[in-house]
Amino acid sequence: MNKVAVIGLGNIATRHRRNIKFLFPNVELLVMSASGRTLNEKISDSDGVVTSIEALIDAEVELVIVASPAPFHAQHSIPFIEAGIPTLIEKPVTTTNEDANAIQRAIELYGTPVAIGYCLRYLPSAQRLKILLDEGKIGTLYNVHIEIGQYLPDWRPSKDYRDSVSANENLGGGALFELSHELDYAQWLLGPLDLQYAILRSSDELDLDVEDIADIFTLTESGAVAAIHLDFLQRQAHRKCSFIGKEGRIDWDLIQNQLTLTTATNTSVLYSEPLWDKNQMYLAMLTDFIQMIKGQSHRCTNVIEATLTVALIDKIKQQACKNREI
């Protein structure tokens, strides 16, 4: 790997640049802002700045990471896909079904390796949980409770949260898109979810024009009920889910990277590594994408899978609008 590019200048783009330099110290790393503007400030872990996608293609980059705001993912990624340049797109893949389908059509036409950055699939407890559920560890599944909450002003303390991508609808903000990891892993673990009901709210506390609370009720193909709660409000970060089945219950604490099994006779910890460095997820995801590029075995999230999340969010928003009209 000699030359790569990262589009975008936010926190996740900064992480990707740092990780690329860690994995490939001698690589030439080019940077482009989401708007293509000329950059006067020094950009960490970079070797040059360009102002257009065409310049990156002409530079013959071998891999590009698209970490711009989600509404721009299609316009930023499709030219690279058409040029045959492997592209890792940050989550969510896009904010509309139309854009997601356009990306998939380009992949089918040009055969370029493309993956979506749902890094939580690389959390060790997530991979263990996937195996347990696939093996039917707790028997017939009845209910799933998924919850994430974290106070938005604490996400990036050095920046006014109202100016962040998370707070702005035209940049793909709101709890549904910003916290779409939960919707991705829910369908990765449980299969396609059939939306039953949704409530979206914007609290007075943050004064946003996007939803900062989402409550979603779905059914799995087997008939289990999956309830999902997302919010920008909880002062102590909270990220847990529970799976209730005929033979017991599995509780997953994503922050503690821990799995606990409770049966009629016993409670046991199946996995626990609370001090695990979360950046390892991102390194594993990038390494896995390299495997995909080489045509080797991988676990990358493809665009079709990621489009399921976009489609579910679209249904949630439509359902919530109907509920408000009643």
C-alpha atoms as a PDB file:
ATOM      1  CA  MET A   1       0.000   0.000   0.000  1.00  0.00           C
ATOM      2  CA  ASN A   2       1.690   3.176  -1.228  1.00  0.00           C
ATOM      3  CA  LYS A   3      -0.958   5.888  -1.494  1.00  0.00           C
ATOM      4  CA  VAL A   4      -4.346   6.334   0.223  1.00  0.00           C
ATOM      5  CA  ALA A   5      -6.844   9.146   0.798  1.00  0.00           C
ATOM      6  CA  VAL A   6      -9.289  10.239   3.474  1.00  0.00           C
ATOM      7  CA  ILE A   7     -12.197  12.562   2.683  1.00  0.00           C
ATOM      8  CA  GLY A   8     -13.473  14.605   5.620  1.00  0.00           C
ATOM      9  CA  LEU A   9     -11.869  16.364   8.573  1.00  0.00           C
ATOM     10  CA  GLY A  10     -14.018  15.326  11.551  1.00  0.00           C
ATOM     11  CA  ASN A  11     -13.100  13.158  14.529  1.00  0.00           C
ATOM     12  CA  ILE A  12     -13.634   9.873  12.717  1.00  0.00           C
ATOM     13  CA  ALA A  13     -11.519  11.034   9.768  1.00  0.00           C
ATOM     14  CA  THR A  14      -8.750  11.967  12.217  1.00  0.00           C
ATOM     15  CA  ARG A  15      -8.936   8.482  13.744  1.00  0.00           C
ATOM     16  CA  HIS A  16      -8.745   6.838  10.320  1.00  0.00           C
ATOM     17  CA  ARG A  17      -5.701   8.889   9.311  1.00  0.00           C
ATOM     18  CA  ARG A  18      -3.932   7.975  12.540  1.00  0.00           C
ATOM     19  CA  ASN A  19      -4.753   4.291  12.117  1.00  0.00           C
ATOM     20  CA  ILE A  20      -3.627   4.206   8.494  1.00  0.00           C
ATOM     21  CA  LYS A  21      -0.283   5.682   9.499  1.00  0.00           C
ATOM     22  CA  PHE A  22      -0.034   3.151  12.328  1.00  0.00           C
ATOM     23  CA  LEU A  23      -0.683   0.194  10.028  1.00  0.00           C
ATOM     24  CA  PHE A  24       1.249   1.573   7.046  1.00  0.00           C
ATOM     25  CA  PRO A  25       3.910   4.007   8.350  1.00  0.00           C
ATOM     26  CA  ASN A  26       5.381   4.666   4.905  1.00  0.00           C
ATOM     27  CA  VAL A  27       2.133   5.265   3.051  1.00  0.00           C
ATOM     28  CA  GLU A  28       1.480   8.621   1.386  1.00  0.00           C
ATOM     29  CA  LEU A  29      -1.793   9.889   2.838  1.00  0.00           C
ATOM     30  CA  LEU A  30      -3.739  12.568   0.966  1.00  0.00           C
ATOM     31  CA  VAL A  31      -6.574  14.572   2.512  1.00  0.00           C
ATOM     32  CA  MET A  32      -9.610  16.327   1.078  1.00  0.00           C
ATOM     33  CA  SER A  33     -12.207  18.292   3.021  1.00  0.00           C
ATOM     34  CA  ALA A  34     -15.854  17.334   2.531  1.00  0.00           C
ATOM     35  CA  SER A  35     -16.447  20.607   0.664  1.00  0.00           C
ATOM     36  CA  GLY A  36     -13.197  20.470  -1.303  1.00  0.00           C
ATOM     37  CA  ARG A  37     -12.078  23.796   0.153  1.00  0.00           C
ATOM     38  CA  THR A  38      -8.449  24.862   0.302  1.00  0.00           C
ATOM     39  CA  LEU A  39      -6.975  24.079   3.713  1.00  0.00           C
ATOM     40  CA  ASN A  40      -4.598  26.478   5.389  1.00  0.00           C
ATOM     41  CA  GLU A  41      -4.273  24.625   8.672  1.00  0.00           C
ATOM     42  CA  LYS A  42      -1.936  21.675   9.177  1.00  0.00           C
ATOM     43  CA  ILE A  43      -3.748  18.319   9.091  1.00  0.00           C
ATOM     44  CA  SER A  44      -2.378  15.616  11.374  1.00  0.00           C
ATOM     45  CA  ASP A  45      -1.071  12.351   9.900  1.00  0.00           C
ATOM     46  CA  SER A  46      -1.274  13.622   6.322  1.00  0.00           C
ATOM     47  CA  ASP A  47       1.171  14.170   3.482  1.00  0.00           C
ATOM     48  CA  GLY A  48      -0.793  16.450   1.210  1.00  0.00           C
ATOM     49  CA  VAL A  49      -4.085  18.208   0.607  1.00  0.00           C
ATOM     50  CA  VAL A  50      -6.170  18.126  -2.571  1.00  0.00           C
ATOM     51  CA  THR A  51      -9.356  19.990  -3.423  1.00  0.00           C
ATOM     52  CA  SER A  52     -11.125  17.571  -5.753  1.00  0.00           C
ATOM     53  CA  ILE A  53     -12.002  13.915  -6.169  1.00  0.00           C
ATOM     54  CA  GLU A  54     -10.545  14.047  -9.679  1.00  0.00           C
ATOM     55  CA  ALA A  55      -7.162  15.010  -8.209  1.00  0.00           C
ATOM     56  CA  LEU A  56      -7.232  11.961  -5.947  1.00  0.00           C
ATOM     57  CA  ILE A  57      -8.139   9.679  -8.831  1.00  0.00           C
ATOM     58  CA  ASP A  58      -5.376  11.206 -10.964  1.00  0.00           C
ATOM     59  CA  ALA A  59      -2.978  10.634  -8.055  1.00  0.00           C
ATOM     60  CA  GLU A  60      -3.810   6.906  -8.318  1.00  0.00           C
ATOM     61  CA  VAL A  61      -4.676   6.376  -4.680  1.00  0.00           C
ATOM     62  CA  GLU A  62      -5.086   2.669  -3.890  1.00  0.00           C
ATOM     63  CA  LEU A  63      -7.718   3.042  -1.169  1.00  0.00           C
ATOM     64  CA  VAL A  64     -10.021   5.835  -0.049  1.00  0.00           C
ATOM     65  CA  ILE A  65     -11.971   6.321   3.173  1.00  0.00           C
ATOM     66  CA  VAL A  66     -15.057   8.488   2.787  1.00  0.00           C
ATOM     67  CA  ALA A  67     -15.637  10.096   6.194  1.00  0.00           C
ATOM     68  CA  SER A  68     -17.603  13.142   5.096  1.00  0.00           C
ATOM     69  CA  PRO A  69     -21.143  13.856   6.409  1.00  0.00           C
ATOM     70  CA  ALA A  70     -23.474  11.036   5.337  1.00  0.00           C
ATOM     71  CA  PRO A  71     -25.593  13.062   2.853  1.00  0.00           C
ATOM     72  CA  PHE A  72     -22.439  13.474   0.721  1.00  0.00           C
ATOM     73  CA  HIS A  73     -21.330   9.834   0.753  1.00  0.00           C
ATOM     74  CA  ALA A  74     -22.808   8.937  -2.629  1.00  0.00           C
ATOM     75  CA  GLN A  75     -21.315  11.905  -4.488  1.00  0.00           C
ATOM     76  CA  HIS A  76     -17.945  11.313  -2.836  1.00  0.00           C
ATOM     77  CA  SER A  77     -17.773   7.524  -3.201  1.00  0.00           C
ATOM     78  CA  ILE A  78     -19.292   6.757  -6.601  1.00  0.00           C
ATOM     79  CA  PRO A  79     -16.474   8.369  -8.670  1.00  0.00           C
ATOM     80  CA  PHE A  80     -13.916   6.191  -6.832  1.00  0.00           C
ATOM     81  CA  ILE A  81     -16.052   3.087  -7.335  1.00  0.00           C
ATOM     82  CA  GLU A  82     -16.287   3.892 -11.045  1.00  0.00           C
ATOM     83  CA  ALA A  83     -12.482   4.306 -11.125  1.00  0.00           C
ATOM     84  CA  GLY A  84     -12.022   0.889  -9.493  1.00  0.00           C
ATOM     85  CA  ILE A  85     -10.534   2.326  -6.279  1.00  0.00           C
ATOM     86  CA  PRO A  86     -11.487   0.333  -3.126  1.00  0.00           C
ATOM     87  CA  THR A  87     -13.665   2.519  -0.914  1.00  0.00           C
ATOM     88  CA  LEU A  88     -14.462   2.301   2.800  1.00  0.00           C
ATOM     89  CA  ILE A  89     -17.516   4.462   3.568  1.00  0.00           C
ATOM     90  CA  GLU A  90     -18.173   5.593   7.119  1.00  0.00           C
ATOM     91  CA  LYS A  91     -21.552   4.723   8.612  1.00  0.00           C
ATOM     92  CA  PRO A  92     -24.319   5.247   7.738  1.00  0.00           C
ATOM     93  CA  VAL A  93     -23.794   4.416   4.080  1.00  0.00           C
ATOM     94  CA  THR A  94     -26.050   7.351   3.099  1.00  0.00           C
ATOM     95  CA  THR A  95     -29.167   9.115   4.382  1.00  0.00           C
ATOM     96  CA  THR A  96     -31.506   8.117   1.518  1.00  0.00           C
ATOM     97  CA  ASN A  97     -32.490   4.857  -0.144  1.00  0.00           C
ATOM     98  CA  GLU A  98     -31.883   6.464  -3.535  1.00  0.00           C
ATOM     99  CA  ASP A  99     -28.249   7.281  -2.755  1.00  0.00           C
ATOM    100  CA  ALA A 100     -27.645   3.846  -1.216  1.00  0.00           C
ATOM    101  CA  ASN A 101     -29.088   2.143  -4.297  1.00  0.00           C
ATOM    102  CA  ALA A 102     -26.942   4.328  -6.574  1.00  0.00           C
ATOM    103  CA  ILE A 103     -23.809   3.199  -4.713  1.00  0.00           C
ATOM    104  CA  GLN A 104     -24.875  -0.447  -5.005  1.00  0.00           C
ATOM    105  CA  ARG A 105     -25.523  -0.096  -8.745  1.00  0.00           C
ATOM    106  CA  ALA A 106     -22.009   1.313  -9.204  1.00  0.00           C
ATOM    107  CA  ILE A 107     -20.535  -1.619  -7.267  1.00  0.00           C
ATOM    108  CA  GLU A 108     -22.419  -4.117  -9.408  1.00  0.00           C
ATOM    109  CA  LEU A 109     -21.310  -2.372 -12.592  1.00  0.00           C
ATOM    110  CA  TYR A 110     -17.632  -1.910 -11.747  1.00  0.00           C
ATOM    111  CA  GLY A 111     -16.960  -4.693  -9.212  1.00  0.00           C
ATOM    112  CA  THR A 112     -15.007  -2.412  -6.874  1.00  0.00           C
ATOM    113  CA  PRO A 113     -14.517  -3.543  -3.244  1.00  0.00           C
ATOM    114  CA  VAL A 114     -16.677  -1.341  -0.970  1.00  0.00           C
ATOM    115  CA  ALA A 115     -17.399  -1.701   2.752  1.00  0.00           C
ATOM    116  CA  ILE A 116     -19.290   0.323   5.354  1.00  0.00           C
ATOM    117  CA  GLY A 117     -17.711   1.361   8.654  1.00  0.00           C
ATOM    118  CA  TYR A 118     -19.931  -0.314  11.254  1.00  0.00           C
ATOM    119  CA  CYS A 119     -17.045  -0.931  13.640  1.00  0.00           C
ATOM    120  CA  LEU A 120     -19.114  -2.375  16.519  1.00  0.00           C
ATOM    121  CA  ARG A 121     -19.251  -5.670  14.661  1.00  0.00           C
ATOM    122  CA  TYR A 122     -15.534  -5.945  15.526  1.00  0.00           C
ATOM    123  CA  LEU A 123     -16.101  -5.605  19.282  1.00  0.00           C
ATOM    124  CA  PRO A 124     -14.997  -9.007  20.692  1.00  0.00           C
ATOM    125  CA  SER A 125     -18.133  -9.391  22.804  1.00  0.00           C
ATOM    126  CA  ALA A 126     -20.264  -8.688  19.717  1.00  0.00           C
ATOM    127  CA  GLN A 127     -18.582 -11.478  17.768  1.00  0.00           C
ATOM    128  CA  ARG A 128     -19.032 -13.880  20.691  1.00  0.00           C
ATOM    129  CA  LEU A 129     -22.691 -12.860  21.045  1.00  0.00           C
ATOM    130  CA  LYS A 130     -23.300 -13.506  17.348  1.00  0.00           C
ATOM    131  CA  ILE A 131     -22.063 -17.073  17.754  1.00  0.00           C
ATOM    132  CA  LEU A 132     -24.160 -17.653  20.886  1.00  0.00           C
ATOM    133  CA  LEU A 133     -27.365 -16.438  19.250  1.00  0.00           C
ATOM    134  CA  ASP A 134     -26.704 -18.372  16.040  1.00  0.00           C
ATOM    135  CA  GLU A 135     -26.164 -21.512  18.125  1.00  0.00           C
ATOM    136  CA  GLY A 136     -29.459 -20.950  19.998  1.00  0.00           C
ATOM    137  CA  LYS A 137     -27.748 -20.625  23.385  1.00  0.00           C
ATOM    138  CA  ILE A 138     -30.942 -19.310  25.056  1.00  0.00           C
ATOM    139  CA  GLY A 139     -33.415 -21.239  22.941  1.00  0.00           C
ATOM    140  CA  THR A 140     -36.421 -19.610  21.352  1.00  0.00           C
ATOM    141  CA  LEU A 141     -35.975 -15.842  21.431  1.00  0.00           C
ATOM    142  CA  TYR A 142     -38.897 -13.873  22.868  1.00  0.00           C
ATOM    143  CA  ASN A 143     -37.726 -10.298  23.487  1.00  0.00           C
ATOM    144  CA  VAL A 144     -34.787  -8.025  22.818  1.00  0.00           C
ATOM    145  CA  HIS A 145     -34.167  -4.696  24.581  1.00  0.00           C
ATOM    146  CA  ILE A 146     -31.558  -2.368  23.054  1.00  0.00           C
ATOM    147  CA  GLU A 147     -30.634   0.960  24.617  1.00  0.00           C
ATOM    148  CA  ILE A 148     -28.017   3.610  24.003  1.00  0.00           C
ATOM    149  CA  GLY A 149     -27.866   7.050  25.581  1.00  0.00           C
ATOM    150  CA  GLN A 150     -25.113   9.633  25.787  1.00  0.00           C
ATOM    151  CA  TYR A 151     -25.264  13.378  26.427  1.00  0.00           C
ATOM    152  CA  LEU A 152     -24.571  15.096  23.097  1.00  0.00           C
ATOM    153  CA  PRO A 153     -22.725  18.145  24.544  1.00  0.00           C
ATOM    154  CA  ASP A 154     -20.197  15.719  26.063  1.00  0.00           C
ATOM    155  CA  TRP A 155     -19.361  14.028  22.741  1.00  0.00           C
ATOM    156  CA  ARG A 156     -17.003  16.758  21.580  1.00  0.00           C
ATOM    157  CA  PRO A 157     -16.470  19.103  24.582  1.00  0.00           C
ATOM    158  CA  SER A 158     -14.295  21.532  22.601  1.00  0.00           C
ATOM    159  CA  LYS A 159     -17.090  22.252  20.106  1.00  0.00           C
ATOM    160  CA  ASP A 160     -20.596  23.706  20.463  1.00  0.00           C
ATOM    161  CA  TYR A 161     -22.835  20.674  20.026  1.00  0.00           C
ATOM    162  CA  ARG A 162     -25.354  22.746  18.055  1.00  0.00           C
ATOM    163  CA  ASP A 163     -22.752  23.194  15.311  1.00  0.00           C
ATOM    164  CA  SER A 164     -21.962  19.489  15.065  1.00  0.00           C
ATOM    165  CA  VAL A 165     -23.039  17.064  12.350  1.00  0.00           C
ATOM    166  CA  SER A 166     -25.093  15.234  14.995  1.00  0.00           C
ATOM    167  CA  ALA A 167     -27.314  18.276  15.548  1.00  0.00           C
ATOM    168  CA  ASN A 168     -27.967  19.246  11.929  1.00  0.00           C
ATOM    169  CA  GLU A 169     -30.505  17.516   9.717  1.00  0.00           C
ATOM    170  CA  ASN A 170     -28.889  18.647   6.460  1.00  0.00           C
ATOM    171  CA  LEU A 171     -25.651  16.918   7.532  1.00  0.00           C
ATOM    172  CA  GLY A 172     -27.329  13.645   8.473  1.00  0.00           C
ATOM    173  CA  GLY A 173     -27.778  14.425  12.160  1.00  0.00           C
ATOM    174  CA  GLY A 174     -30.334  13.161  14.654  1.00  0.00           C
ATOM    175  CA  ALA A 175     -30.332  10.095  16.888  1.00  0.00           C
ATOM    176  CA  LEU A 176     -31.417   7.680  14.156  1.00  0.00           C
ATOM    177  CA  PHE A 177     -28.480   8.265  11.829  1.00  0.00           C
ATOM    178  CA  GLU A 178     -25.870   9.159  14.435  1.00  0.00           C
ATOM    179  CA  LEU A 179     -26.682   6.112  16.573  1.00  0.00           C
ATOM    180  CA  SER A 180     -27.383   3.784  13.661  1.00  0.00           C
ATOM    181  CA  HIS A 181     -24.822   1.293  14.996  1.00  0.00           C
ATOM    182  CA  GLU A 182     -27.645  -0.101  17.136  1.00  0.00           C
ATOM    183  CA  LEU A 183     -29.922  -0.533  14.119  1.00  0.00           C
ATOM    184  CA  ASP A 184     -27.091  -2.180  12.188  1.00  0.00           C
ATOM    185  CA  TYR A 185     -26.093  -4.699  14.835  1.00  0.00           C
ATOM    186  CA  ALA A 186     -29.740  -5.458  15.633  1.00  0.00           C
ATOM    187  CA  GLN A 187     -30.300  -6.653  12.069  1.00  0.00           C
ATOM    188  CA  TRP A 188     -26.874  -8.327  11.937  1.00  0.00           C
ATOM    189  CA  LEU A 189     -27.730 -10.352  15.035  1.00  0.00           C
ATOM    190  CA  LEU A 190     -31.474 -10.835  14.528  1.00  0.00           C
ATOM    191  CA  GLY A 191     -32.077 -10.606  10.791  1.00  0.00           C
ATOM    192  CA  PRO A 192     -34.389  -8.097   9.071  1.00  0.00           C
ATOM    193  CA  LEU A 193     -36.656  -6.205  11.450  1.00  0.00           C
ATOM    194  CA  ASP A 194     -40.306  -5.463  10.681  1.00  0.00           C
ATOM    195  CA  LEU A 195     -41.204  -2.029  12.062  1.00  0.00           C
ATOM    196  CA  GLN A 196     -44.357  -1.949  14.196  1.00  0.00           C
ATOM    197  CA  TYR A 197     -44.312   1.460  15.846  1.00  0.00           C
ATOM    198  CA  ALA A 198     -41.986   4.409  16.364  1.00  0.00           C
ATOM    199  CA  ILE A 199     -41.929   7.607  18.384  1.00  0.00           C
ATOM    200  CA  LEU A 200     -39.413  10.373  17.678  1.00  0.00           C
ATOM    201  CA  ARG A 201     -39.011  13.312  20.039  1.00  0.00           C
ATOM    202  CA  SER A 202     -36.966  16.516  20.271  1.00  0.00           C
ATOM    203  CA  SER A 203     -36.486  17.543  23.883  1.00  0.00           C
ATOM    204  CA  ASP A 204     -36.451  21.112  25.169  1.00  0.00           C
ATOM    205  CA  GLU A 205     -33.118  20.393  26.826  1.00  0.00           C
ATOM    206  CA  LEU A 206     -30.958  20.423  23.686  1.00  0.00           C
ATOM    207  CA  ASP A 207     -33.186  22.600  21.483  1.00  0.00           C
ATOM    208  CA  LEU A 208     -32.372  20.734  18.259  1.00  0.00           C
ATOM    209  CA  ASP A 209     -34.226  20.582  14.949  1.00  0.00           C
ATOM    210  CA  VAL A 210     -33.569  16.830  14.818  1.00  0.00           C
ATOM    211  CA  GLU A 211     -34.801  14.007  17.030  1.00  0.00           C
ATOM    212  CA  ASP A 212     -32.748  13.465  20.178  1.00  0.00           C
ATOM    213  CA  ILE A 213     -34.917  10.582  21.441  1.00  0.00           C
ATOM    214  CA  ALA A 214     -36.142   7.605  19.421  1.00  0.00           C
ATOM    215  CA  ASP A 215     -38.202   4.648  20.588  1.00  0.00           C
ATOM    216  CA  ILE A 216     -38.692   1.872  18.068  1.00  0.00           C
ATOM    217  CA  PHE A 217     -40.689  -1.357  18.272  1.00  0.00           C
ATOM    218  CA  THR A 218     -40.025  -4.130  15.772  1.00  0.00           C
ATOM    219  CA  LEU A 219     -40.598  -7.835  15.120  1.00  0.00           C
ATOM    220  CA  THR A 220     -38.017 -10.375  13.967  1.00  0.00           C
ATOM    221  CA  GLU A 221     -38.886 -12.954  11.332  1.00  0.00           C
ATOM    222  CA  SER A 222     -39.344 -15.519  14.130  1.00  0.00           C
ATOM    223  CA  GLY A 223     -41.812 -13.250  15.949  1.00  0.00           C
ATOM    224  CA  ALA A 224     -39.567 -11.961  18.741  1.00  0.00           C
ATOM    225  CA  VAL A 225     -40.186  -8.364  19.830  1.00  0.00           C
ATOM    226  CA  ALA A 226     -37.169  -6.046  19.625  1.00  0.00           C
ATOM    227  CA  ALA A 227     -37.490  -2.666  21.370  1.00  0.00           C
ATOM    228  CA  ILE A 228     -34.795  -0.096  20.583  1.00  0.00           C
ATOM    229  CA  HIS A 229     -34.187   3.163  22.471  1.00  0.00           C
ATOM    230  CA  LEU A 230     -31.756   5.850  21.272  1.00  0.00           C
ATOM    231  CA  ASP A 231     -31.083   9.210  22.913  1.00  0.00           C
ATOM    232  CA  PHE A 232     -28.661  12.132  23.121  1.00  0.00           C
ATOM    233  CA  LEU A 233     -29.612  12.926  26.745  1.00  0.00           C
ATOM    234  CA  GLN A 234     -28.212  10.479  29.289  1.00  0.00           C
ATOM    235  CA  ARG A 235     -25.493  12.136  31.374  1.00  0.00           C
ATOM    236  CA  GLN A 236     -23.716   8.838  32.017  1.00  0.00           C
ATOM    237  CA  ALA A 237     -23.049   6.980  28.776  1.00  0.00           C
ATOM    238  CA  HIS A 238     -25.219   3.872  28.606  1.00  0.00           C
ATOM    239  CA  ARG A 239     -25.009   1.150  25.950  1.00  0.00           C
ATOM    240  CA  LYS A 240     -26.589  -2.200  26.762  1.00  0.00           C
ATOM    241  CA  CYS A 241     -28.945  -4.774  25.352  1.00  0.00           C
ATOM    242  CA  SER A 242     -30.693  -7.911  26.612  1.00  0.00           C
ATOM    243  CA  PHE A 243     -31.877 -11.040  24.849  1.00  0.00           C
ATOM    244  CA  ILE A 244     -34.624 -13.013  26.588  1.00  0.00           C
ATOM    245  CA  GLY A 245     -35.207 -16.580  25.463  1.00  0.00           C
ATOM    246  CA  LYS A 246     -36.843 -19.828  26.524  1.00  0.00           C
ATOM    247  CA  GLU A 247     -33.654 -21.122  28.178  1.00  0.00           C
ATOM    248  CA  GLY A 248     -32.347 -17.925  29.724  1.00  0.00           C
ATOM    249  CA  ARG A 249     -31.198 -14.370  29.216  1.00  0.00           C
ATOM    250  CA  ILE A 250     -28.040 -12.806  27.790  1.00  0.00           C
ATOM    251  CA  ASP A 251     -27.137  -9.270  28.876  1.00  0.00           C
ATOM    252  CA  TRP A 252     -24.610  -7.401  26.727  1.00  0.00           C
ATOM    253  CA  ASP A 253     -22.786  -4.360  28.081  1.00  0.00           C
ATOM    254  CA  LEU A 254     -21.035  -2.773  25.121  1.00  0.00           C
ATOM    255  CA  ILE A 255     -19.127  -0.212  27.199  1.00  0.00           C
ATOM    256  CA  GLN A 256     -17.753  -2.915  29.503  1.00  0.00           C
ATOM    257  CA  ASN A 257     -17.344  -5.341  26.557  1.00  0.00           C
ATOM    258  CA  GLN A 258     -19.115  -7.989  28.637  1.00  0.00           C
ATOM    259  CA  LEU A 259     -21.657 -10.788  28.193  1.00  0.00           C
ATOM    260  CA  THR A 260     -23.608 -12.307  31.092  1.00  0.00           C
ATOM    261  CA  LEU A 261     -25.814 -15.399  30.887  1.00  0.00           C
ATOM    262  CA  THR A 262     -28.647 -15.940  33.368  1.00  0.00           C
ATOM    263  CA  THR A 263     -30.514 -19.254  33.478  1.00  0.00           C
ATOM    264  CA  ALA A 264     -32.967 -20.796  35.944  1.00  0.00           C
ATOM    265  CA  THR A 265     -30.090 -22.043  38.104  1.00  0.00           C
ATOM    266  CA  ASN A 266     -27.072 -19.857  37.473  1.00  0.00           C
ATOM    267  CA  THR A 267     -25.611 -16.511  36.416  1.00  0.00           C
ATOM    268  CA  SER A 268     -22.266 -16.603  34.656  1.00  0.00           C
ATOM    269  CA  VAL A 269     -20.013 -14.171  32.808  1.00  0.00           C
ATOM    270  CA  LEU A 270     -19.426 -15.521  29.308  1.00  0.00           C
ATOM    271  CA  TYR A 271     -17.049 -12.787  28.202  1.00  0.00           C
ATOM    272  CA  SER A 272     -15.493  -9.753  29.894  1.00  0.00           C
ATOM    273  CA  GLU A 273     -12.691  -7.454  28.775  1.00  0.00           C
ATOM    274  CA  PRO A 274     -13.567  -3.989  30.108  1.00  0.00           C
ATOM    275  CA  LEU A 275     -10.124  -2.461  29.533  1.00  0.00           C
ATOM    276  CA  TRP A 276     -10.042  -3.421  25.860  1.00  0.00           C
ATOM    277  CA  ASP A 277      -8.923  -0.492  23.702  1.00  0.00           C
ATOM    278  CA  LYS A 278     -11.857   0.480  21.485  1.00  0.00           C
ATOM    279  CA  ASN A 279      -9.512   1.704  18.765  1.00  0.00           C
ATOM    280  CA  GLN A 280      -8.771  -1.970  18.132  1.00  0.00           C
ATOM    281  CA  MET A 281     -12.232  -2.152  16.517  1.00  0.00           C
ATOM    282  CA  TYR A 282     -11.237   0.433  13.942  1.00  0.00           C
ATOM    283  CA  LEU A 283      -7.877  -1.196  13.284  1.00  0.00           C
ATOM    284  CA  ALA A 284      -9.582  -4.575  12.875  1.00  0.00           C
ATOM    285  CA  MET A 285     -12.139  -3.072  10.496  1.00  0.00           C
ATOM    286  CA  LEU A 286      -9.422  -1.482   8.356  1.00  0.00           C
ATOM    287  CA  THR A 287      -7.379  -4.685   8.332  1.00  0.00           C
ATOM    288  CA  ASP A 288     -10.488  -6.643   7.379  1.00  0.00           C
ATOM    289  CA  PHE A 289     -11.126  -4.261   4.489  1.00  0.00           C
ATOM    290  CA  ILE A 290      -7.586  -4.912   3.247  1.00  0.00           C
ATOM    291  CA  GLN A 291      -8.477  -8.621   3.299  1.00  0.00           C
ATOM    292  CA  MET A 292     -11.562  -7.842   1.224  1.00  0.00           C
ATOM    293  CA  ILE A 293      -9.477  -5.901  -1.302  1.00  0.00           C
ATOM    294  CA  LYS A 294      -7.123  -8.877  -1.625  1.00  0.00           C
ATOM    295  CA  GLY A 295     -10.074 -11.188  -2.278  1.00  0.00           C
ATOM    296  CA  GLN A 296      -9.497 -13.038   0.987  1.00  0.00           C
ATOM    297  CA  SER A 297     -11.992 -14.093   3.672  1.00  0.00           C
ATOM    298  CA  HIS A 298     -13.452 -11.099   5.522  1.00  0.00           C
ATOM    299  CA  ARG A 299     -16.385  -9.917   7.671  1.00  0.00           C
ATOM    300  CA  CYS A 300     -16.875  -6.473   6.129  1.00  0.00           C
ATOM    301  CA  THR A 301     -20.333  -4.888   6.158  1.00  0.00           C
ATOM    302  CA  ASN A 302     -21.467  -4.591   2.563  1.00  0.00           C
ATOM    303  CA  VAL A 303     -23.672  -1.902   1.056  1.00  0.00           C
ATOM    304  CA  ILE A 304     -26.712  -4.189   0.799  1.00  0.00           C
ATOM    305  CA  GLU A 305     -26.570  -4.830   4.560  1.00  0.00           C
ATOM    306  CA  ALA A 306     -26.021  -1.161   5.332  1.00  0.00           C
ATOM    307  CA  THR A 307     -28.940  -0.200   3.085  1.00  0.00           C
ATOM    308  CA  LEU A 308     -31.227  -2.245   5.359  1.00  0.00           C
ATOM    309  CA  THR A 309     -30.438   0.285   8.084  1.00  0.00           C
ATOM    310  CA  VAL A 310     -31.165   3.262   5.818  1.00  0.00           C
ATOM    311  CA  ALA A 311     -34.455   1.642   4.748  1.00  0.00           C
ATOM    312  CA  LEU A 312     -35.412   0.985   8.377  1.00  0.00           C
ATOM    313  CA  ILE A 313     -34.666   4.610   9.338  1.00  0.00           C
ATOM    314  CA  ASP A 314     -36.806   5.795   6.430  1.00  0.00           C
ATOM    315  CA  LYS A 315     -39.707   3.627   7.637  1.00  0.00           C
ATOM    316  CA  ILE A 316     -39.236   4.856  11.209  1.00  0.00           C
ATOM    317  CA  LYS A 317     -39.433   8.487  10.103  1.00  0.00           C
ATOM    318  CA  GLN A 318     -42.544   7.822   8.017  1.00  0.00           C
ATOM    319  CA  GLN A 319     -44.202   5.938  10.884  1.00  0.00           C
ATOM    320  CA  ALA A 320     -43.361   8.686  13.367  1.00  0.00           C
ATOM    321  CA  CYS A 321     -44.873  11.321  11.032  1.00  0.00           C
ATOM    322  CA  LYS A 322     -48.088   9.316  10.784  1.00  0.00           C
ATOM    323  CA  ASN A 323     -48.223   9.006  14.572  1.00  0.00           C
ATOM    324  CA  ARG A 324     -47.931  12.787  14.972  1.00  0.00           C
ATOM    325  CA  GLU A 325     -50.767  13.301  12.484  1.00  0.00           C
ATOM    326  CA  ILE A 326     -53.190  11.089  14.403  1.00  0.00           C
END
